[in-house]
PDB file of N, CA and C in Angstrom:
ATOM      1  N   MET A   1     133.065  55.056 160.506  1.00  0.00           N
ATOM      2  CA  MET A   1     133.161  55.218 162.087  1.00  0.00           C
ATOM      3  C   MET A   1     132.644  56.566 162.357  1.00  0.00           C
ATOM      4  N   ALA A   2     133.113  57.672 161.741  1.00  0.00           N
ATOM      5  CA  ALA A   2     132.684  58.985 161.997  1.00  0.00           C
ATOM      6  C   ALA A   2     130.967  59.118 161.995  1.00  0.00           C
ATOM      7  N   ALA A   3     130.532  58.519 160.968  1.00  0.00           N
ATOM      8  CA  ALA A   3     129.134  58.551 160.777  1.00  0.00           C
ATOM      9  C   ALA A   3     128.348  57.971 161.954  1.00  0.00           C
ATOM     10  N   ALA A   4     128.722  56.818 162.555  1.00  0.00           N
ATOM     11  CA  ALA A   4     128.360  56.334 163.657  1.00  0.00           C
ATOM     12  C   ALA A   4     128.337  57.169 164.880  1.00  0.00           C
ATOM     13  N   LEU A   5     129.589  57.764 165.057  1.00  0.00           N
ATOM     14  CA  LEU A   5     129.716  58.775 166.130  1.00  0.00           C
ATOM     15  C   LEU A   5     128.811  59.874 166.287  1.00  0.00           C
ATOM     16  N   ILE A   6     128.608  60.237 165.075  1.00  0.00           N
ATOM     17  CA  ILE A   6     127.975  61.541 164.836  1.00  0.00           C
ATOM     18  C   ILE A   6     126.434  61.183 165.131  1.00  0.00           C
ATOM     19  N   GLY A   7     126.078  60.171 164.385  1.00  0.00           N
ATOM     20  CA  GLY A   7     124.751  59.576 164.505  1.00  0.00           C
ATOM     21  C   GLY A   7     124.307  59.492 165.993  1.00  0.00           C
ATOM     22  N   GLY A   8     125.117  58.798 166.880  1.00  0.00           N
ATOM     23  CA  GLY A   8     124.900  58.537 168.234  1.00  0.00           C
ATOM     24  C   GLY A   8     124.671  59.901 169.039  1.00  0.00           C
ATOM     25  N   MET A   9     125.507  60.770 168.693  1.00  0.00           N
ATOM     26  CA  MET A   9     125.376  62.243 169.411  1.00  0.00           C
ATOM     27  C   MET A   9     124.223  63.019 168.972  1.00  0.00           C
ATOM     28  N   LEU A  10     123.771  62.949 167.777  1.00  0.00           N
ATOM     29  CA  LEU A  10     122.542  63.420 167.223  1.00  0.00           C
ATOM     30  C   LEU A  10     121.359  62.845 167.833  1.00  0.00           C
ATOM     31  N   GLN A  11     121.397  61.582 168.027  1.00  0.00           N
ATOM     32  CA  GLN A  11     120.427  60.814 168.874  1.00  0.00           C
ATOM     33  C   GLN A  11     120.358  61.204 170.387  1.00  0.00           C
ATOM     34  N   GLN A  12     121.274  61.657 170.753  1.00  0.00           N
ATOM     35  CA  GLN A  12     121.384  62.021 172.288  1.00  0.00           C
ATOM     36  C   GLN A  12     121.067  63.612 172.450  1.00  0.00           C
ATOM     37  N   GLY A  13     120.553  64.176 171.252  1.00  0.00           N
ATOM     38  CA  GLY A  13     120.051  65.478 171.238  1.00  0.00           C
ATOM     39  C   GLY A  13     121.042  66.664 170.972  1.00  0.00           C
ATOM     40  N   LEU A  14     122.403  66.262 170.429  1.00  0.00           N
ATOM     41  CA  LEU A  14     123.173  67.294 170.064  1.00  0.00           C
ATOM     42  C   LEU A  14     122.741  68.014 168.716  1.00  0.00           C
ATOM     43  N   SER A  15     122.744  69.164 168.461  1.00  0.00           N
ATOM     44  CA  SER A  15     122.108  69.861 167.494  1.00  0.00           C
ATOM     45  C   SER A  15     123.353  69.732 166.348  1.00  0.00           C
ATOM     46  N   LYS A  16     122.849  69.598 165.019  1.00  0.00           N
ATOM     47  CA  LYS A  16     123.657  69.580 163.908  1.00  0.00           C
ATOM     48  C   LYS A  16     124.569  70.742 163.893  1.00  0.00           C
ATOM     49  N   ALA A  17     123.930  71.744 164.190  1.00  0.00           N
ATOM     50  CA  ALA A  17     124.811  73.143 164.035  1.00  0.00           C
ATOM     51  C   ALA A  17     125.951  73.120 165.005  1.00  0.00           C
ATOM     52  N   GLY A  18     125.911  72.104 166.094  1.00  0.00           N
ATOM     53  CA  GLY A  18     126.896  72.090 167.114  1.00  0.00           C
ATOM     54  C   GLY A  18     128.180  71.175 166.855  1.00  0.00           C
ATOM     55  N   VAL A  19     127.886  70.557 165.434  1.00  0.00           N
ATOM     56  CA  VAL A  19     129.029  69.592 165.035  1.00  0.00           C
ATOM     57  C   VAL A  19     129.919  70.106 164.028  1.00  0.00           C
ATOM     58  N   GLN A  20     131.196  69.937 163.943  1.00  0.00           N
ATOM     59  CA  GLN A  20     131.970  70.287 162.962  1.00  0.00           C
ATOM     60  C   GLN A  20     132.826  68.935 162.766  1.00  0.00           C
ATOM     61  N   VAL A  21     132.915  68.601 161.326  1.00  0.00           N
ATOM     62  CA  VAL A  21     133.454  67.340 161.050  1.00  0.00           C
ATOM     63  C   VAL A  21     134.787  67.825 160.143  1.00  0.00           C
ATOM     64  N   ILE A  22     135.930  67.280 160.446  1.00  0.00           N
ATOM     65  CA  ILE A  22     137.201  67.524 159.712  1.00  0.00           C
ATOM     66  C   ILE A  22     137.663  66.086 158.998  1.00  0.00           C
ATOM     67  N   ASP A  23     137.626  66.237 157.739  1.00  0.00           N
ATOM     68  CA  ASP A  23     137.742  65.067 156.968  1.00  0.00           C
ATOM     69  C   ASP A  23     138.733  65.588 155.597  1.00  0.00           C
ATOM     70  N   VAL A  24     139.759  64.941 155.054  1.00  0.00           N
ATOM     71  CA  VAL A  24     140.473  65.203 154.010  1.00  0.00           C
ATOM     72  C   VAL A  24     139.840  64.834 152.819  1.00  0.00           C
ATOM     73  N   SER A  25     138.979  63.821 153.042  1.00  0.00           N
ATOM     74  CA  SER A  25     138.238  63.374 151.633  1.00  0.00           C
ATOM     75  C   SER A  25     137.066  64.283 151.334  1.00  0.00           C
ATOM     76  N   ALA A  26     137.206  64.679 149.827  1.00  0.00           N
ATOM     77  CA  ALA A  26     136.074  65.550 149.541  1.00  0.00           C
ATOM     78  C   ALA A  26     134.791  64.733 149.506  1.00  0.00           C
ATOM     79  N   GLU A  27     134.983  63.571 149.130  1.00  0.00           N
ATOM     80  CA  GLU A  27     133.611  62.602 149.014  1.00  0.00           C
ATOM     81  C   GLU A  27     133.068  62.565 150.359  1.00  0.00           C
ATOM     82  N   ALA A  28     133.782  62.304 151.384  1.00  0.00           N
ATOM     83  CA  ALA A  28     133.361  62.244 152.663  1.00  0.00           C
ATOM     84  C   ALA A  28     132.737  63.328 153.365  1.00  0.00           C
ATOM     85  N   ARG A  29     133.544  64.597 153.076  1.00  0.00           N
ATOM     86  CA  ARG A  29     132.863  65.905 153.398  1.00  0.00           C
ATOM     87  C   ARG A  29     131.459  66.176 152.752  1.00  0.00           C
ATOM     88  N   GLN A  30     131.279  65.764 151.551  1.00  0.00           N
ATOM     89  CA  GLN A  30     130.125  66.040 150.932  1.00  0.00           C
ATOM     90  C   GLN A  30     129.010  65.218 151.488  1.00  0.00           C
ATOM     91  N   ARG A  31     129.197  63.925 151.828  1.00  0.00           N
ATOM     92  CA  ARG A  31     128.243  63.189 152.480  1.00  0.00           C
ATOM     93  C   ARG A  31     127.773  63.676 153.907  1.00  0.00           C
ATOM     94  N   VAL A  32     128.718  64.255 154.546  1.00  0.00           N
ATOM     95  CA  VAL A  32     128.405  64.771 155.861  1.00  0.00           C
ATOM     96  C   VAL A  32     127.703  66.154 155.608  1.00  0.00           C
ATOM     97  N   GLU A  33     127.924  66.873 154.727  1.00  0.00           N
ATOM     98  CA  GLU A  33     127.492  68.220 154.383  1.00  0.00           C
ATOM     99  C   GLU A  33     125.929  68.002 154.130  1.00  0.00           C
ATOM    100  N   GLN A  34     125.611  66.956 153.239  1.00  0.00           N
ATOM    101  CA  GLN A  34     124.277  66.359 153.002  1.00  0.00           C
ATOM    102  C   GLN A  34     123.512  66.239 154.017  1.00  0.00           C
ATOM    103  N   LEU A  35     123.991  65.927 155.118  1.00  0.00           N
ATOM    104  CA  LEU A  35     123.368  65.633 156.573  1.00  0.00           C
ATOM    105  C   LEU A  35     123.013  67.074 157.141  1.00  0.00           C
ATOM    106  N   GLY A  36     123.582  67.990 156.778  1.00  0.00           N
ATOM    107  CA  GLY A  36     123.435  69.412 157.246  1.00  0.00           C
ATOM    108  C   GLY A  36     124.415  69.683 158.312  1.00  0.00           C
ATOM    109  N   ILE A  37     125.536  68.942 158.250  1.00  0.00           N
ATOM    110  CA  ILE A  37     126.749  69.404 159.285  1.00  0.00           C
ATOM    111  C   ILE A  37     127.769  69.839 158.371  1.00  0.00           C
ATOM    112  N   THR A  38     128.426  70.906 159.112  1.00  0.00           N
ATOM    113  CA  THR A  38     129.508  71.782 158.638  1.00  0.00           C
ATOM    114  C   THR A  38     130.728  70.504 158.457  1.00  0.00           C
ATOM    115  N   ALA A  39     131.350  70.740 157.311  1.00  0.00           N
ATOM    116  CA  ALA A  39     132.633  69.635 157.245  1.00  0.00           C
ATOM    117  C   ALA A  39     133.646  70.550 156.386  1.00  0.00           C
ATOM    118  N   ARG A  40     135.028  70.410 156.926  1.00  0.00           N
ATOM    119  CA  ARG A  40     136.060  71.180 156.347  1.00  0.00           C
ATOM    120  C   ARG A  40     137.303  70.153 156.417  1.00  0.00           C
ATOM    121  N   THR A  41     138.316  70.602 155.724  1.00  0.00           N
ATOM    122  CA  THR A  41     139.632  69.740 155.460  1.00  0.00           C
ATOM    123  C   THR A  41     140.547  70.239 156.846  1.00  0.00           C
ATOM    124  N   GLN A  42     140.308  71.337 157.385  1.00  0.00           N
ATOM    125  CA  GLN A  42     141.051  71.601 158.598  1.00  0.00           C
ATOM    126  C   GLN A  42     140.016  72.315 159.645  1.00  0.00           C
ATOM    127  N   TRP A  43     140.540  72.388 160.921  1.00  0.00           N
ATOM    128  CA  TRP A  43     139.547  72.866 161.848  1.00  0.00           C
ATOM    129  C   TRP A  43     139.552  74.349 161.711  1.00  0.00           C
ATOM    130  N   ASP A  44     138.329  74.934 161.819  1.00  0.00           N
ATOM    131  CA  ASP A  44     137.932  76.502 161.532  1.00  0.00           C
ATOM    132  C   ASP A  44     137.570  77.008 162.837  1.00  0.00           C
ATOM    133  N   SER A  45     138.485  77.955 163.419  1.00  0.00           N
ATOM    134  CA  SER A  45     138.168  78.378 164.667  1.00  0.00           C
ATOM    135  C   SER A  45     136.827  79.560 164.582  1.00  0.00           C
ATOM    136  N   GLN A  46     136.579  79.858 163.507  1.00  0.00           N
ATOM    137  CA  GLN A  46     135.645  80.980 162.971  1.00  0.00           C
ATOM    138  C   GLN A  46     134.266  80.168 163.159  1.00  0.00           C
ATOM    139  N   THR A  47     134.135  78.819 163.030  1.00  0.00           N
ATOM    140  CA  THR A  47     132.963  78.089 162.779  1.00  0.00           C
ATOM    141  C   THR A  47     132.783  77.689 164.243  1.00  0.00           C
ATOM    142  N   PRO A  48     131.621  78.050 165.037  1.00  0.00           N
ATOM    143  CA  PRO A  48     131.371  77.568 166.266  1.00  0.00           C
ATOM    144  C   PRO A  48     130.812  76.163 166.314  1.00  0.00           C
ATOM    145  N   ALA A  49     131.202  75.454 167.184  1.00  0.00           N
ATOM    146  CA  ALA A  49     130.877  73.933 167.451  1.00  0.00           C
ATOM    147  C   ALA A  49     130.925  73.526 168.834  1.00  0.00           C
ATOM    148  N   GLU A  50     130.162  72.745 169.329  1.00  0.00           N
ATOM    149  CA  GLU A  50     130.153  72.116 170.529  1.00  0.00           C
ATOM    150  C   GLU A  50     131.154  70.919 170.425  1.00  0.00           C
ATOM    151  N   VAL A  51     131.049  70.326 169.349  1.00  0.00           N
ATOM    152  CA  VAL A  51     131.897  68.841 169.171  1.00  0.00           C
ATOM    153  C   VAL A  51     132.471  69.191 167.842  1.00  0.00           C
ATOM    154  N   VAL A  52     133.812  68.861 167.811  1.00  0.00           N
ATOM    155  CA  VAL A  52     134.576  68.733 166.591  1.00  0.00           C
ATOM    156  C   VAL A  52     135.102  67.040 166.243  1.00  0.00           C
ATOM    157  N   VAL A  53     134.721  66.467 165.253  1.00  0.00           N
ATOM    158  CA  VAL A  53     135.065  65.047 165.085  1.00  0.00           C
ATOM    159  C   VAL A  53     136.138  65.369 163.911  1.00  0.00           C
ATOM    160  N   PHE A  54     137.341  64.733 164.331  1.00  0.00           N
ATOM    161  CA  PHE A  54     138.317  64.594 163.327  1.00  0.00           C
ATOM    162  C   PHE A  54     138.365  63.337 162.700  1.00  0.00           C
ATOM    163  N   ALA A  55     137.684  63.087 161.476  1.00  0.00           N
ATOM    164  CA  ALA A  55     137.440  61.926 160.866  1.00  0.00           C
ATOM    165  C   ALA A  55     138.644  61.712 159.849  1.00  0.00           C
ATOM    166  N   VAL A  56     139.825  61.603 160.319  1.00  0.00           N
ATOM    167  CA  VAL A  56     140.970  61.335 159.333  1.00  0.00           C
ATOM    168  C   VAL A  56     141.884  60.310 159.880  1.00  0.00           C
ATOM    169  N   LYS A  57     142.554  59.748 158.865  1.00  0.00           N
ATOM    170  CA  LYS A  57     143.540  58.684 159.089  1.00  0.00           C
ATOM    171  C   LYS A  57     144.737  59.265 159.876  1.00  0.00           C
ATOM    172  N   PRO A  58     145.411  58.595 160.774  1.00  0.00           N
ATOM    173  CA  PRO A  58     146.671  59.052 161.411  1.00  0.00           C
ATOM    174  C   PRO A  58     147.596  59.879 160.673  1.00  0.00           C
ATOM    175  N   GLN A  59     147.849  59.574 159.377  1.00  0.00           N
ATOM    176  CA  GLN A  59     148.802  60.096 158.564  1.00  0.00           C
ATOM    177  C   GLN A  59     148.342  61.453 158.124  1.00  0.00           C
ATOM    178  N   HIS A  60     146.960  61.807 158.250  1.00  0.00           N
ATOM    179  CA  HIS A  60     146.401  63.073 158.019  1.00  0.00           C
ATOM    180  C   HIS A  60     146.130  63.926 159.253  1.00  0.00           C
ATOM    181  N   MET A  61     146.338  63.483 160.498  1.00  0.00           N
ATOM    182  CA  MET A  61     145.920  64.180 161.539  1.00  0.00           C
ATOM    183  C   MET A  61     146.755  65.617 161.532  1.00  0.00           C
ATOM    184  N   LYS A  62     148.110  65.530 161.425  1.00  0.00           N
ATOM    185  CA  LYS A  62     148.947  66.752 161.671  1.00  0.00           C
ATOM    186  C   LYS A  62     148.132  67.917 160.711  1.00  0.00           C
ATOM    187  N   GLN A  63     147.860  67.651 159.480  1.00  0.00           N
ATOM    188  CA  GLN A  63     147.185  68.728 158.620  1.00  0.00           C
ATOM    189  C   GLN A  63     146.007  69.028 159.232  1.00  0.00           C
ATOM    190  N   ALA A  64     145.220  68.103 159.771  1.00  0.00           N
ATOM    191  CA  ALA A  64     143.773  68.491 160.158  1.00  0.00           C
ATOM    192  C   ALA A  64     143.742  69.314 161.436  1.00  0.00           C
ATOM    193  N   VAL A  65     144.779  69.220 162.112  1.00  0.00           N
ATOM    194  CA  VAL A  65     144.857  69.838 163.658  1.00  0.00           C
ATOM    195  C   VAL A  65     145.691  71.108 163.555  1.00  0.00           C
ATOM    196  N   SER A  66     146.132  71.450 162.235  1.00  0.00           N
ATOM    197  CA  SER A  66     147.133  72.471 162.351  1.00  0.00           C
ATOM    198  C   SER A  66     146.702  73.887 162.959  1.00  0.00           C
ATOM    199  N   GLY A  67     145.471  74.157 163.052  1.00  0.00           N
ATOM    200  CA  GLY A  67     144.956  75.498 163.586  1.00  0.00           C
ATOM    201  C   GLY A  67     144.516  75.396 164.887  1.00  0.00           C
ATOM    202  N   VAL A  68     144.601  74.047 165.616  1.00  0.00           N
ATOM    203  CA  VAL A  68     143.911  73.872 166.921  1.00  0.00           C
ATOM    204  C   VAL A  68     144.794  74.497 168.071  1.00  0.00           C
ATOM    205  N   ARG A  69     145.974  74.105 168.158  1.00  0.00           N
ATOM    206  CA  ARG A  69     146.980  74.433 169.173  1.00  0.00           C
ATOM    207  C   ARG A  69     146.835  75.719 169.721  1.00  0.00           C
ATOM    208  N   ALA A  70     146.552  76.777 168.989  1.00  0.00           N
ATOM    209  CA  ALA A  70     146.499  78.148 169.470  1.00  0.00           C
ATOM    210  C   ALA A  70     145.158  78.229 170.509  1.00  0.00           C
ATOM    211  N   HIS A  71     144.234  77.530 170.296  1.00  0.00           N
ATOM    212  CA  HIS A  71     142.974  77.868 170.816  1.00  0.00           C
ATOM    213  C   HIS A  71     142.784  76.724 171.947  1.00  0.00           C
ATOM    214  N   CYS A  72     143.773  75.822 172.377  1.00  0.00           N
ATOM    215  CA  CYS A  72     143.684  74.797 173.468  1.00  0.00           C
ATOM    216  C   CYS A  72     144.267  75.441 174.564  1.00  0.00           C
ATOM    217  N   GLY A  73     143.812  75.149 175.778  1.00  0.00           N
ATOM    218  CA  GLY A  73     144.342  75.671 177.126  1.00  0.00           C
ATOM    219  C   GLY A  73     145.340  74.781 177.602  1.00  0.00           C
TER     220      GLY A  73
END
């Protein structure tokens, strides 16, 4: 599902550099990085992104968003 969302955004003109993907699966992160897109296990505030895609199952969401709260208004 994340790949379809990202593909659609790229087709609409979003730059690969503007996307950061969060996924706990090492295999999934590797596939995303092969496309030239930054992939991490947790959100990284030091990596600029126009769009952050949290490609995680509900049970992994707390881990994936642990660093986000301080940066949300």
